[in-house]
Amino acid sequence: MASDIFTILGFKVQALMAGLSGGAVRAVLNKDRSVEAMAGSVVIGGLAANYLVPLVSPVVGTSELTGAFIVGLVGVPLCELIIRQVISKISTKGRLG
């Protein structure tokens, strides 16, 4: 039942859970132990894994779930990199695409 709601909302439950797990590991290993940093790492890890694992898994040569865990683990810096790239492209070309 709960998985139906996640599916309707566009989430892949297994990838989301693997990403949340990777984000949790990152949160524990991170030097910033504030509640905000730890919660952010977990949430960003889960969301990044849900949406980015189809792009990352083939590149790193892993299964989708392993890829989702890895994306969750590096979710924050990966999203920061994507943001910098998008801003750079917009600044250079004035638009995306």
PDB file of N, CA and C in Angstrom:
ATOM      1  N   MET A   1       0.820  -1.193   0.000  1.00  0.00           N
ATOM      2  CA  MET A   1       0.000   0.000   0.000  1.00  0.00           C
ATOM      3  C   MET A   1       0.863   1.257   0.000  1.00  0.00           C
ATOM      4  N   ALA A   2       1.813   1.337   0.926  1.00  0.00           N
ATOM      5  CA  ALA A   2       2.687   2.515   0.970  1.00  0.00           C
ATOM      6  C   ALA A   2       3.514   2.619  -0.302  1.00  0.00           C
ATOM      7  N   SER A   3       3.943   1.469  -0.836  1.00  0.00           N
ATOM      8  CA  SER A   3       4.743   1.515  -2.055  1.00  0.00           C
ATOM      9  C   SER A   3       3.925   2.042  -3.231  1.00  0.00           C
ATOM     10  N   ASP A   4       2.606   1.823  -3.215  1.00  0.00           N
ATOM     11  CA  ASP A   4       1.752   2.374  -4.271  1.00  0.00           C
ATOM     12  C   ASP A   4       1.789   3.895  -4.249  1.00  0.00           C
ATOM     13  N   ILE A   5       1.768   4.482  -3.072  1.00  0.00           N
ATOM     14  CA  ILE A   5       1.822   5.937  -2.934  1.00  0.00           C
ATOM     15  C   ILE A   5       3.156   6.456  -3.460  1.00  0.00           C
ATOM     16  N   PHE A   6       4.253   5.774  -3.088  1.00  0.00           N
ATOM     17  CA  PHE A   6       5.566   6.188  -3.577  1.00  0.00           C
ATOM     18  C   PHE A   6       5.641   6.087  -5.093  1.00  0.00           C
ATOM     19  N   THR A   7       5.084   5.022  -5.650  1.00  0.00           N
ATOM     20  CA  THR A   7       5.091   4.837  -7.101  1.00  0.00           C
ATOM     21  C   THR A   7       4.296   5.943  -7.792  1.00  0.00           C
ATOM     22  N   ILE A   8       3.143   6.271  -7.247  1.00  0.00           N
ATOM     23  CA  ILE A   8       2.328   7.354  -7.811  1.00  0.00           C
ATOM     24  C   ILE A   8       3.103   8.666  -7.793  1.00  0.00           C
ATOM     25  N   LEU A   9       3.898   8.883  -6.738  1.00  0.00           N
ATOM     26  CA  LEU A   9       4.675  10.114  -6.615  1.00  0.00           C
ATOM     27  C   LEU A   9       5.976  10.087  -7.425  1.00  0.00           C
ATOM     28  N   GLY A  10       6.250   8.959  -8.088  1.00  0.00           N
ATOM     29  CA  GLY A  10       7.428   8.875  -8.951  1.00  0.00           C
ATOM     30  C   GLY A  10       8.680   8.348  -8.272  1.00  0.00           C
ATOM     31  N   PHE A  11       8.532   7.730  -7.110  1.00  0.00           N
ATOM     32  CA  PHE A  11       9.692   7.193  -6.400  1.00  0.00           C
ATOM     33  C   PHE A  11       9.850   5.712  -6.680  1.00  0.00           C
ATOM     34  N   LYS A  12      11.098   5.294  -6.835  1.00  0.00           N
ATOM     35  CA  LYS A  12      11.433   3.877  -6.904  1.00  0.00           C
ATOM     36  C   LYS A  12      11.847   3.487  -5.494  1.00  0.00           C
ATOM     37  N   VAL A  13      11.000   2.734  -4.798  1.00  0.00           N
ATOM     38  CA  VAL A  13      11.166   2.497  -3.368  1.00  0.00           C
ATOM     39  C   VAL A  13      12.531   1.885  -3.045  1.00  0.00           C
ATOM     40  N   GLN A  14      12.973   0.896  -3.799  1.00  0.00           N
ATOM     41  CA  GLN A  14      14.261   0.258  -3.491  1.00  0.00           C
ATOM     42  C   GLN A  14      15.419   1.228  -3.685  1.00  0.00           C
ATOM     43  N   ALA A  15      15.398   2.000  -4.757  1.00  0.00           N
ATOM     44  CA  ALA A  15      16.468   2.981  -4.982  1.00  0.00           C
ATOM     45  C   ALA A  15      16.437   4.059  -3.912  1.00  0.00           C
ATOM     46  N   LEU A  16      15.237   4.489  -3.547  1.00  0.00           N
ATOM     47  CA  LEU A  16      15.079   5.506  -2.499  1.00  0.00           C
ATOM     48  C   LEU A  16      15.656   5.001  -1.178  1.00  0.00           C
ATOM     49  N   MET A  17      15.327   3.772  -0.804  1.00  0.00           N
ATOM     50  CA  MET A  17      15.823   3.217   0.462  1.00  0.00           C
ATOM     51  C   MET A  17      17.338   3.025   0.432  1.00  0.00           C
ATOM     52  N   ALA A  18      17.878   2.572  -0.687  1.00  0.00           N
ATOM     53  CA  ALA A  18      19.333   2.417  -0.802  1.00  0.00           C
ATOM     54  C   ALA A  18      20.019   3.777  -0.718  1.00  0.00           C
ATOM     55  N   GLY A  19      19.437   4.787  -1.350  1.00  0.00           N
ATOM     56  CA  GLY A  19      19.992   6.135  -1.291  1.00  0.00           C
ATOM     57  C   GLY A  19      19.910   6.734   0.104  1.00  0.00           C
ATOM     58  N   LEU A  20      18.783   6.519   0.781  1.00  0.00           N
ATOM     59  CA  LEU A  20      18.654   6.980   2.166  1.00  0.00           C
ATOM     60  C   LEU A  20      19.710   6.311   3.048  1.00  0.00           C
ATOM     61  N   SER A  21      19.955   5.022   2.801  1.00  0.00           N
ATOM     62  CA  SER A  21      20.978   4.300   3.568  1.00  0.00           C
ATOM     63  C   SER A  21      22.366   4.865   3.300  1.00  0.00           C
ATOM     64  N   GLY A  22      22.679   5.125   2.047  1.00  0.00           N
ATOM     65  CA  GLY A  22      23.968   5.736   1.715  1.00  0.00           C
ATOM     66  C   GLY A  22      24.114   7.105   2.346  1.00  0.00           C
ATOM     67  N   GLY A  23      23.027   7.879   2.319  1.00  0.00           N
ATOM     68  CA  GLY A  23      23.044   9.191   2.953  1.00  0.00           C
ATOM     69  C   GLY A  23      23.230   9.102   4.456  1.00  0.00           C
ATOM     70  N   ALA A  24      22.661   8.075   5.074  1.00  0.00           N
ATOM     71  CA  ALA A  24      22.822   7.872   6.519  1.00  0.00           C
ATOM     72  C   ALA A  24      24.265   7.536   6.860  1.00  0.00           C
ATOM     73  N   VAL A  25      24.894   6.698   6.039  1.00  0.00           N
ATOM     74  CA  VAL A  25      26.311   6.382   6.264  1.00  0.00           C
ATOM     75  C   VAL A  25      27.142   7.650   6.139  1.00  0.00           C
ATOM     76  N   ARG A  26      26.867   8.444   5.114  1.00  0.00           N
ATOM     77  CA  ARG A  26      27.578   9.713   4.931  1.00  0.00           C
ATOM     78  C   ARG A  26      27.381  10.630   6.140  1.00  0.00           C
ATOM     79  N   ALA A  27      26.162  10.683   6.658  1.00  0.00           N
ATOM     80  CA  ALA A  27      25.858  11.542   7.805  1.00  0.00           C
ATOM     81  C   ALA A  27      26.675  11.127   9.032  1.00  0.00           C
ATOM     82  N   VAL A  28      26.812   9.831   9.245  1.00  0.00           N
ATOM     83  CA  VAL A  28      27.569   9.344  10.404  1.00  0.00           C
ATOM     84  C   VAL A  28      29.066   9.611  10.226  1.00  0.00           C
ATOM     85  N   LEU A  29      29.551   9.484   9.005  1.00  0.00           N
ATOM     86  CA  LEU A  29      30.984   9.675   8.752  1.00  0.00           C
ATOM     87  C   LEU A  29      31.380  11.144   8.631  1.00  0.00           C
ATOM     88  N   ASN A  30      30.404  12.012   8.387  1.00  0.00           N
ATOM     89  CA  ASN A  30      30.688  13.430   8.181  1.00  0.00           C
ATOM     90  C   ASN A  30      31.121  14.083   9.490  1.00  0.00           C
ATOM     91  N   LYS A  31      32.029  15.046   9.398  1.00  0.00           N
ATOM     92  CA  LYS A  31      32.492  15.762  10.581  1.00  0.00           C
ATOM     93  C   LYS A  31      31.433  16.689  11.150  1.00  0.00           C
ATOM     94  N   ASP A  32      30.557  17.207  10.298  1.00  0.00           N
ATOM     95  CA  ASP A  32      29.476  18.087  10.750  1.00  0.00           C
ATOM     96  C   ASP A  32      28.352  17.208  11.279  1.00  0.00           C
ATOM     97  N   ARG A  33      28.227  17.150  12.588  1.00  0.00           N
ATOM     98  CA  ARG A  33      27.222  16.291  13.210  1.00  0.00           C
ATOM     99  C   ARG A  33      25.966  17.050  13.632  1.00  0.00           C
ATOM    100  N   SER A  34      25.744  18.228  13.037  1.00  0.00           N
ATOM    101  CA  SER A  34      24.517  18.952  13.369  1.00  0.00           C
ATOM    102  C   SER A  34      23.318  18.178  12.818  1.00  0.00           C
ATOM    103  N   VAL A  35      22.187  18.356  13.468  1.00  0.00           N
ATOM    104  CA  VAL A  35      20.965  17.673  13.041  1.00  0.00           C
ATOM    105  C   VAL A  35      20.623  18.038  11.603  1.00  0.00           C
ATOM    106  N   GLU A  36      20.797  19.318  11.257  1.00  0.00           N
ATOM    107  CA  GLU A  36      20.468  19.767   9.901  1.00  0.00           C
ATOM    108  C   GLU A  36      21.354  19.097   8.860  1.00  0.00           C
ATOM    109  N   ALA A  37      22.653  19.037   9.130  1.00  0.00           N
ATOM    110  CA  ALA A  37      23.585  18.426   8.179  1.00  0.00           C
ATOM    111  C   ALA A  37      23.315  16.935   8.024  1.00  0.00           C
ATOM    112  N   MET A  38      23.056  16.267   9.130  1.00  0.00           N
ATOM    113  CA  MET A  38      22.804  14.828   9.069  1.00  0.00           C
ATOM    114  C   MET A  38      21.486  14.522   8.350  1.00  0.00           C
ATOM    115  N   ALA A  39      20.436  15.265   8.692  1.00  0.00           N
ATOM    116  CA  ALA A  39      19.143  15.048   8.035  1.00  0.00           C
ATOM    117  C   ALA A  39      19.239  15.392   6.548  1.00  0.00           C
ATOM    118  N   GLY A  40      19.928  16.485   6.239  1.00  0.00           N
ATOM    119  CA  GLY A  40      20.101  16.878   4.848  1.00  0.00           C
ATOM    120  C   GLY A  40      20.826  15.820   4.041  1.00  0.00           C
ATOM    121  N   SER A  41      21.851  15.234   4.615  1.00  0.00           N
ATOM    122  CA  SER A  41      22.610  14.190   3.933  1.00  0.00           C
ATOM    123  C   SER A  41      21.724  12.991   3.603  1.00  0.00           C
ATOM    124  N   VAL A  42      20.890  12.598   4.544  1.00  0.00           N
ATOM    125  CA  VAL A  42      20.007  11.445   4.332  1.00  0.00           C
ATOM    126  C   VAL A  42      18.954  11.762   3.268  1.00  0.00           C
ATOM    127  N   VAL A  43      18.299  12.909   3.397  1.00  0.00           N
ATOM    128  CA  VAL A  43      17.233  13.276   2.448  1.00  0.00           C
ATOM    129  C   VAL A  43      17.796  13.479   1.044  1.00  0.00           C
ATOM    130  N   ILE A  44      18.881  14.230   0.940  1.00  0.00           N
ATOM    131  CA  ILE A  44      19.484  14.476  -0.371  1.00  0.00           C
ATOM    132  C   ILE A  44      19.989  13.176  -0.976  1.00  0.00           C
ATOM    133  N   GLY A  45      20.571  12.310  -0.147  1.00  0.00           N
ATOM    134  CA  GLY A  45      21.030  11.012  -0.635  1.00  0.00           C
ATOM    135  C   GLY A  45      19.900  10.190  -1.229  1.00  0.00           C
ATOM    136  N   GLY A  46      18.762  10.165  -0.541  1.00  0.00           N
ATOM    137  CA  GLY A  46      17.617   9.400  -1.034  1.00  0.00           C
ATOM    138  C   GLY A  46      17.039   9.975  -2.319  1.00  0.00           C
ATOM    139  N   LEU A  47      16.859  11.286  -2.345  1.00  0.00           N
ATOM    140  CA  LEU A  47      16.308  11.918  -3.552  1.00  0.00           C
ATOM    141  C   LEU A  47      17.260  11.800  -4.738  1.00  0.00           C
ATOM    142  N   ALA A  48      18.538  12.037  -4.495  1.00  0.00           N
ATOM    143  CA  ALA A  48      19.526  11.933  -5.577  1.00  0.00           C
ATOM    144  C   ALA A  48      19.550  10.516  -6.139  1.00  0.00           C
ATOM    145  N   ALA A  49      19.514   9.531  -5.259  1.00  0.00           N
ATOM    146  CA  ALA A  49      19.531   8.140  -5.722  1.00  0.00           C
ATOM    147  C   ALA A  49      18.299   7.826  -6.557  1.00  0.00           C
ATOM    148  N   ASN A  50      17.154   8.304  -6.107  1.00  0.00           N
ATOM    149  CA  ASN A  50      15.918   8.027  -6.834  1.00  0.00           C
ATOM    150  C   ASN A  50      15.984   8.529  -8.270  1.00  0.00           C
ATOM    151  N   TYR A  51      16.534   9.708  -8.459  1.00  0.00           N
ATOM    152  CA  TYR A  51      16.508  10.321  -9.792  1.00  0.00           C
ATOM    153  C   TYR A  51      17.789  10.132 -10.608  1.00  0.00           C
ATOM    154  N   LEU A  52      18.925   9.937  -9.957  1.00  0.00           N
ATOM    155  CA  LEU A  52      20.195   9.905 -10.687  1.00  0.00           C
ATOM    156  C   LEU A  52      20.773   8.511 -10.903  1.00  0.00           C
ATOM    157  N   VAL A  53      20.249   7.503 -10.211  1.00  0.00           N
ATOM    158  CA  VAL A  53      20.842   6.165 -10.335  1.00  0.00           C
ATOM    159  C   VAL A  53      20.828   5.629 -11.770  1.00  0.00           C
ATOM    160  N   PRO A  54      19.817   5.904 -12.598  1.00  0.00           N
ATOM    161  CA  PRO A  54      19.898   5.393 -13.975  1.00  0.00           C
ATOM    162  C   PRO A  54      21.078   5.973 -14.763  1.00  0.00           C
ATOM    163  N   LEU A  55      21.531   7.160 -14.389  1.00  0.00           N
ATOM    164  CA  LEU A  55      22.688   7.767 -15.054  1.00  0.00           C
ATOM    165  C   LEU A  55      24.009   7.271 -14.483  1.00  0.00           C
ATOM    166  N   VAL A  56      24.039   7.017 -13.184  1.00  0.00           N
ATOM    167  CA  VAL A  56      25.302   6.712 -12.497  1.00  0.00           C
ATOM    168  C   VAL A  56      25.657   5.232 -12.562  1.00  0.00           C
ATOM    169  N   SER A  57      24.698   4.343 -12.387  1.00  0.00           N
ATOM    170  CA  SER A  57      24.991   2.907 -12.348  1.00  0.00           C
ATOM    171  C   SER A  57      25.760   2.400 -13.560  1.00  0.00           C
ATOM    172  N   PRO A  58      25.359   2.763 -14.786  1.00  0.00           N
ATOM    173  CA  PRO A  58      26.128   2.289 -15.936  1.00  0.00           C
ATOM    174  C   PRO A  58      27.559   2.839 -15.966  1.00  0.00           C
ATOM    175  N   VAL A  59      27.737   4.067 -15.479  1.00  0.00           N
ATOM    176  CA  VAL A  59      29.063   4.693 -15.490  1.00  0.00           C
ATOM    177  C   VAL A  59      30.004   3.984 -14.526  1.00  0.00           C
ATOM    178  N   VAL A  60      29.515   3.676 -13.322  1.00  0.00           N
ATOM    179  CA  VAL A  60      30.378   3.017 -12.333  1.00  0.00           C
ATOM    180  C   VAL A  60      30.332   1.500 -12.447  1.00  0.00           C
ATOM    181  N   GLY A  61      29.444   0.976 -13.289  1.00  0.00           N
ATOM    182  CA  GLY A  61      29.404  -0.459 -13.562  1.00  0.00           C
ATOM    183  C   GLY A  61      28.865  -1.280 -12.411  1.00  0.00           C
ATOM    184  N   THR A  62      27.788  -0.811 -11.782  1.00  0.00           N
ATOM    185  CA  THR A  62      27.203  -1.537 -10.660  1.00  0.00           C
ATOM    186  C   THR A  62      25.741  -1.849 -10.949  1.00  0.00           C
ATOM    187  N   SER A  63      25.176  -2.673 -10.068  1.00  0.00           N
ATOM    188  CA  SER A  63      23.737  -2.910 -10.142  1.00  0.00           C
ATOM    189  C   SER A  63      23.020  -1.620  -9.752  1.00  0.00           C
ATOM    190  N   GLU A  64      21.732  -1.568 -10.020  1.00  0.00           N
ATOM    191  CA  GLU A  64      20.973  -0.359  -9.707  1.00  0.00           C
ATOM    192  C   GLU A  64      20.960  -0.081  -8.202  1.00  0.00           C
ATOM    193  N   LEU A  65      20.812  -1.104  -7.379  1.00  0.00           N
ATOM    194  CA  LEU A  65      20.758  -0.871  -5.929  1.00  0.00           C
ATOM    195  C   LEU A  65      22.110  -0.455  -5.362  1.00  0.00           C
ATOM    196  N   THR A  66      23.181  -1.069  -5.846  1.00  0.00           N
ATOM    197  CA  THR A  66      24.509  -0.641  -5.406  1.00  0.00           C
ATOM    198  C   THR A  66      24.767   0.784  -5.861  1.00  0.00           C
ATOM    199  N   GLY A  67      24.386   1.076  -7.087  1.00  0.00           N
ATOM    200  CA  GLY A  67      24.521   2.434  -7.596  1.00  0.00           C
ATOM    201  C   GLY A  67      23.718   3.424  -6.783  1.00  0.00           C
ATOM    202  N   ALA A  68      22.516   3.038  -6.351  1.00  0.00           N
ATOM    203  CA  ALA A  68      21.678   3.920  -5.539  1.00  0.00           C
ATOM    204  C   ALA A  68      22.334   4.194  -4.192  1.00  0.00           C
ATOM    205  N   PHE A  69      22.946   3.171  -3.599  1.00  0.00           N
ATOM    206  CA  PHE A  69      23.647   3.372  -2.329  1.00  0.00           C
ATOM    207  C   PHE A  69      24.823   4.328  -2.526  1.00  0.00           C
ATOM    208  N   ILE A  70      25.576   4.139  -3.599  1.00  0.00           N
ATOM    209  CA  ILE A  70      26.734   5.003  -3.880  1.00  0.00           C
ATOM    210  C   ILE A  70      26.274   6.438  -4.122  1.00  0.00           C
ATOM    211  N   VAL A  71      25.213   6.615  -4.900  1.00  0.00           N
ATOM    212  CA  VAL A  71      24.690   7.969  -5.136  1.00  0.00           C
ATOM    213  C   VAL A  71      24.244   8.588  -3.819  1.00  0.00           C
ATOM    214  N   GLY A  72      23.592   7.810  -2.961  1.00  0.00           N
ATOM    215  CA  GLY A  72      23.191   8.315  -1.652  1.00  0.00           C
ATOM    216  C   GLY A  72      24.385   8.723  -0.807  1.00  0.00           C
ATOM    217  N   LEU A  73      25.444   7.943  -0.893  1.00  0.00           N
ATOM    218  CA  LEU A  73      26.668   8.215  -0.133  1.00  0.00           C
ATOM    219  C   LEU A  73      27.315   9.528  -0.565  1.00  0.00           C
ATOM    220  N   VAL A  74      27.289   9.812  -1.839  1.00  0.00           N
ATOM    221  CA  VAL A  74      27.925  11.034  -2.357  1.00  0.00           C
ATOM    222  C   VAL A  74      26.883  12.059  -2.817  1.00  0.00           C
ATOM    223  N   GLY A  75      25.666  11.939  -2.307  1.00  0.00           N
ATOM    224  CA  GLY A  75      24.561  12.765  -2.771  1.00  0.00           C
ATOM    225  C   GLY A  75      24.788  14.264  -2.671  1.00  0.00           C
ATOM    226  N   VAL A  76      25.265  14.738  -1.510  1.00  0.00           N
ATOM    227  CA  VAL A  76      25.443  16.180  -1.325  1.00  0.00           C
ATOM    228  C   VAL A  76      26.498  16.733  -2.286  1.00  0.00           C
ATOM    229  N   PRO A  77      27.725  16.188  -2.300  1.00  0.00           N
ATOM    230  CA  PRO A  77      28.705  16.750  -3.245  1.00  0.00           C
ATOM    231  C   PRO A  77      28.308  16.555  -4.708  1.00  0.00           C
ATOM    232  N   LEU A  78      27.614  15.468  -5.014  1.00  0.00           N
ATOM    233  CA  LEU A  78      27.160  15.238  -6.385  1.00  0.00           C
ATOM    234  C   LEU A  78      26.145  16.310  -6.791  1.00  0.00           C
ATOM    235  N   CYS A  79      25.214  16.623  -5.919  1.00  0.00           N
ATOM    236  CA  CYS A  79      24.236  17.674  -6.217  1.00  0.00           C
ATOM    237  C   CYS A  79      24.902  19.041  -6.310  1.00  0.00           C
ATOM    238  N   GLU A  80      25.894  19.303  -5.464  1.00  0.00           N
ATOM    239  CA  GLU A  80      26.631  20.569  -5.554  1.00  0.00           C
ATOM    240  C   GLU A  80      27.338  20.680  -6.902  1.00  0.00           C
ATOM    241  N   LEU A  81      27.921  19.584  -7.369  1.00  0.00           N
ATOM    242  CA  LEU A  81      28.583  19.567  -8.675  1.00  0.00           C
ATOM    243  C   LEU A  81      27.580  19.849  -9.795  1.00  0.00           C
ATOM    244  N   ILE A  82      26.433  19.205  -9.736  1.00  0.00           N
ATOM    245  CA  ILE A  82      25.407  19.423 -10.756  1.00  0.00           C
ATOM    246  C   ILE A  82      24.956  20.878 -10.759  1.00  0.00           C
ATOM    247  N   ILE A  83      24.747  21.444  -9.573  1.00  0.00           N
ATOM    248  CA  ILE A  83      24.327  22.846  -9.475  1.00  0.00           C
ATOM    249  C   ILE A  83      25.373  23.761 -10.101  1.00  0.00           C
ATOM    250  N   ARG A  84      26.659  23.525  -9.790  1.00  0.00           N
ATOM    251  CA  ARG A  84      27.730  24.361 -10.371  1.00  0.00           C
ATOM    252  C   ARG A  84      27.758  24.240 -11.889  1.00  0.00           C
ATOM    253  N   GLN A  85      27.567  23.047 -12.411  1.00  0.00           N
ATOM    254  CA  GLN A  85      27.590  22.838 -13.861  1.00  0.00           C
ATOM    255  C   GLN A  85      26.421  23.543 -14.532  1.00  0.00           C
ATOM    256  N   VAL A  86      25.255  23.455 -13.941  1.00  0.00           N
ATOM    257  CA  VAL A  86      24.076  24.115 -14.512  1.00  0.00           C
ATOM    258  C   VAL A  86      24.254  25.626 -14.493  1.00  0.00           C
ATOM    259  N   ILE A  87      24.718  26.169 -13.371  1.00  0.00           N
ATOM    260  CA  ILE A  87      24.949  27.619 -13.274  1.00  0.00           C
ATOM    261  C   ILE A  87      25.988  28.063 -14.295  1.00  0.00           C
ATOM    262  N   SER A  88      27.041  27.280 -14.454  1.00  0.00           N
ATOM    263  CA  SER A  88      28.078  27.612 -15.426  1.00  0.00           C
ATOM    264  C   SER A  88      27.522  27.626 -16.842  1.00  0.00           C
ATOM    265  N   LYS A  89      26.703  26.631 -17.149  1.00  0.00           N
ATOM    266  CA  LYS A  89      26.122  26.569 -18.496  1.00  0.00           C
ATOM    267  C   LYS A  89      25.186  27.739 -18.742  1.00  0.00           C
ATOM    268  N   ILE A  90      24.377  28.081 -17.748  1.00  0.00           N
ATOM    269  CA  ILE A  90      23.467  29.217 -17.893  1.00  0.00           C
ATOM    270  C   ILE A  90      24.266  30.508 -18.056  1.00  0.00           C
ATOM    271  N   SER A  91      25.316  30.661 -17.252  1.00  0.00           N
ATOM    272  CA  SER A  91      26.133  31.877 -17.310  1.00  0.00           C
ATOM    273  C   SER A  91      26.832  32.013 -18.654  1.00  0.00           C
ATOM    274  N   THR A  92      27.283  30.903 -19.204  1.00  0.00           N
ATOM    275  CA  THR A  92      28.020  30.909 -20.464  1.00  0.00           C
ATOM    276  C   THR A  92      27.109  31.114 -21.663  1.00  0.00           C
ATOM    277  N   LYS A  93      26.009  30.397 -21.691  1.00  0.00           N
ATOM    278  CA  LYS A  93      25.126  30.420 -22.864  1.00  0.00           C
ATOM    279  C   LYS A  93      23.868  31.238 -22.655  1.00  0.00           C
ATOM    280  N   GLY A  94      23.608  31.630 -21.434  1.00  0.00           N
ATOM    281  CA  GLY A  94      22.405  32.408 -21.162  1.00  0.00           C
ATOM    282  C   GLY A  94      21.141  31.600 -21.050  1.00  0.00           C
ATOM    283  N   ARG A  95      21.244  30.274 -21.242  1.00  0.00           N
ATOM    284  CA  ARG A  95      20.056  29.410 -21.137  1.00  0.00           C
ATOM    285  C   ARG A  95      20.517  27.958 -21.060  1.00  0.00           C
ATOM    286  N   LEU A  96      19.613  27.083 -20.702  1.00  0.00           N
ATOM    287  CA  LEU A  96      19.885  25.651 -20.730  1.00  0.00           C
ATOM    288  C   LEU A  96      19.471  25.088 -22.076  1.00  0.00           C
ATOM    289  N   GLY A  97      20.145  24.019 -22.479  1.00  0.00           N
ATOM    290  CA  GLY A  97      19.738  23.320 -23.688  1.00  0.00           C
ATOM    291  C   GLY A  97      20.492  23.662 -24.915  1.00  0.00           C
TER     292      GLY A  97
END
